[in-house]
Amino acid sequence: MLTSVSYQIESYSIQYTRQTPRIYLKGRKVGSGTSKDIAQVWFLDDREVQDQIFEDESVFLTYLLSEFPIILDLLRNESPLTLYCTTEGPHLGAQNGIYADSEPVGANDENPQRFFQRFPQPNI
């Protein structure tokens, strides 16, 4: 059986250091009224990326250092955002991540190509 929890992300703060840049997320469990620290997002070198951890109601996510601009873009430009995590089951942590909730197609997007212009495209 898969057990999960979702948090509505309300705010974030950034600690960008030479060793391990991180983003701290604050929000509330969906259906709850109390706002609290809900997650730490760590950006690591390729060789260090680990599975996500859910421990004592806190989530620790790891992403590649090269993905920092993508996650920051989500936090700055998308709303509402949800942090989803599996807490038990055969796929523990596999789908943990930040999700943009439902919004109308083209909402607040004057230039739909802006996303592709911000990030370098792979050479194929």
Protein backbone atom coordinates (compact mmCIF):
# COMPACT_ATOMS: atom_id res chain seq x y z
CA MET A 1 0.00 0.00 0.00
CA LEU A 2 1.25 3.46 -0.92
CA THR A 3 0.96 6.16 1.74
CA SER A 4 1.56 9.79 0.81
CA VAL A 5 1.29 13.33 2.09
CA SER A 6 0.93 16.64 0.24
CA TYR A 7 1.92 20.13 1.35
CA GLN A 8 0.86 23.45 -0.14
CA ILE A 9 4.09 25.46 -0.61
CA GLU A 10 3.69 29.02 0.70
CA SER A 11 7.20 30.47 0.78
CA TYR A 12 10.86 29.62 0.37
CA SER A 13 14.31 30.84 1.35
CA ILE A 14 17.64 30.19 -0.33
CA GLN A 15 21.00 29.35 1.17
CA TYR A 16 23.49 29.35 -1.68
CA THR A 17 26.89 28.24 -0.43
CA ARG A 18 29.91 26.81 -2.22
CA GLN A 19 29.41 23.41 -0.67
CA THR A 20 25.70 22.65 -0.89
CA PRO A 21 23.15 25.19 -2.17
CA ARG A 22 19.72 24.56 -0.65
CA ILE A 23 16.20 25.87 -0.70
CA TYR A 24 14.02 25.69 2.40
CA LEU A 25 10.29 25.34 1.81
CA LYS A 26 7.55 26.48 4.17
CA GLY A 27 3.89 25.53 3.87
CA ARG A 28 1.01 23.58 5.30
CA LYS A 29 -0.24 20.05 4.95
CA VAL A 30 -3.16 20.01 2.51
CA GLY A 31 -6.27 20.24 4.69
CA SER A 32 -4.37 21.63 7.72
CA GLY A 33 -4.26 25.15 9.07
CA THR A 34 -0.74 25.27 10.50
CA SER A 35 2.15 26.65 8.45
CA LYS A 36 5.62 25.21 9.14
CA ASP A 37 8.96 24.27 7.60
CA ILE A 38 8.18 21.33 5.33
CA ALA A 39 11.29 20.55 3.27
CA GLN A 40 14.91 21.10 2.44
CA VAL A 41 15.91 20.87 -1.21
CA TRP A 42 19.64 20.17 -1.67
CA PHE A 43 21.49 20.60 -4.96
CA LEU A 44 24.41 18.21 -5.29
CA ASP A 45 26.99 17.10 -7.83
CA ASP A 46 25.91 14.28 -10.13
CA ARG A 47 27.71 11.63 -8.10
CA GLU A 48 25.99 12.61 -4.85
CA VAL A 49 22.28 12.69 -5.75
CA GLN A 50 20.35 10.41 -3.41
CA ASP A 51 16.85 9.11 -2.90
CA GLN A 52 14.46 11.50 -1.21
CA ILE A 53 13.85 11.05 2.49
CA PHE A 54 10.70 11.57 4.56
CA GLU A 55 11.51 11.73 8.25
CA ASP A 56 9.55 13.15 11.20
CA GLU A 57 7.15 15.10 8.95
CA SER A 58 10.09 16.69 7.08
CA VAL A 59 11.11 16.06 3.50
CA PHE A 60 14.66 16.11 2.16
CA LEU A 61 14.88 16.26 -1.64
CA THR A 62 18.07 16.14 -3.66
CA TYR A 63 18.48 17.42 -7.20
CA LEU A 64 21.43 17.90 -9.49
CA LEU A 65 23.23 21.21 -9.06
CA SER A 66 22.46 21.94 -12.73
CA GLU A 67 18.72 21.76 -11.89
CA PHE A 68 18.86 24.67 -9.43
CA PRO A 69 17.60 27.24 -12.01
CA ILE A 70 14.66 25.00 -12.95
CA ILE A 71 13.46 24.56 -9.36
CA LEU A 72 13.98 28.26 -8.63
CA ASP A 73 11.97 29.14 -11.75
CA LEU A 74 9.10 26.95 -10.54
CA LEU A 75 9.10 28.66 -7.13
CA ARG A 76 9.24 32.15 -8.63
CA ASN A 77 6.80 31.80 -11.50
CA GLU A 78 4.29 29.02 -10.83
CA SER A 79 1.40 29.03 -8.42
CA PRO A 80 -0.03 27.14 -6.68
CA LEU A 81 2.71 24.59 -5.94
CA THR A 82 2.45 21.35 -4.01
CA LEU A 83 5.15 19.25 -2.42
CA TYR A 84 4.17 15.60 -2.75
CA CYS A 85 5.86 12.74 -0.91
CA THR A 86 5.36 9.06 -0.42
CA THR A 87 5.90 8.10 3.19
CA GLU A 88 5.52 4.30 3.01
CA GLY A 89 5.28 1.60 0.43
CA PRO A 90 7.27 -0.06 -2.33
CA HIS A 91 8.10 3.21 -4.12
CA LEU A 92 9.15 5.23 -1.06
CA GLY A 93 10.49 8.58 -2.26
CA ALA A 94 10.31 7.72 -5.97
CA GLN A 95 7.69 10.35 -6.81
CA ASN A 96 8.61 12.94 -4.20
CA GLY A 97 8.86 16.37 -5.74
CA ILE A 98 7.40 19.79 -6.43
CA TYR A 99 4.30 19.87 -8.61
CA ALA A 100 2.55 22.83 -10.25
CA ASP A 101 -1.16 22.55 -9.53
CA SER A 102 -3.91 22.94 -12.09
CA GLU A 103 -4.13 26.27 -13.89
CA PRO A 104 -5.78 27.33 -17.14
CA VAL A 105 -3.81 26.74 -20.32
CA GLY A 106 -1.76 29.83 -21.19
CA ALA A 107 -2.47 31.50 -17.85
CA ASN A 108 -0.16 34.45 -17.18
CA ASP A 109 2.06 33.51 -20.07
CA GLU A 110 2.55 36.29 -22.59
CA ASN A 111 5.38 34.42 -24.31
CA PRO A 112 5.03 30.62 -24.20
CA GLN A 113 8.59 30.21 -25.55
CA ARG A 114 10.04 31.91 -22.44
CA PHE A 115 10.57 28.59 -20.72
CA PHE A 116 12.75 27.24 -23.51
CA GLN A 117 14.69 30.49 -23.82
CA ARG A 118 15.77 30.41 -20.17
CA PHE A 119 17.36 26.99 -20.21
CA PRO A 120 19.99 25.68 -22.60
CA GLN A 121 18.74 23.00 -24.95
CA PRO A 122 20.64 19.73 -25.25
CA ASN A 123 22.76 19.19 -28.34
CA ILE A 124 21.24 16.20 -30.08
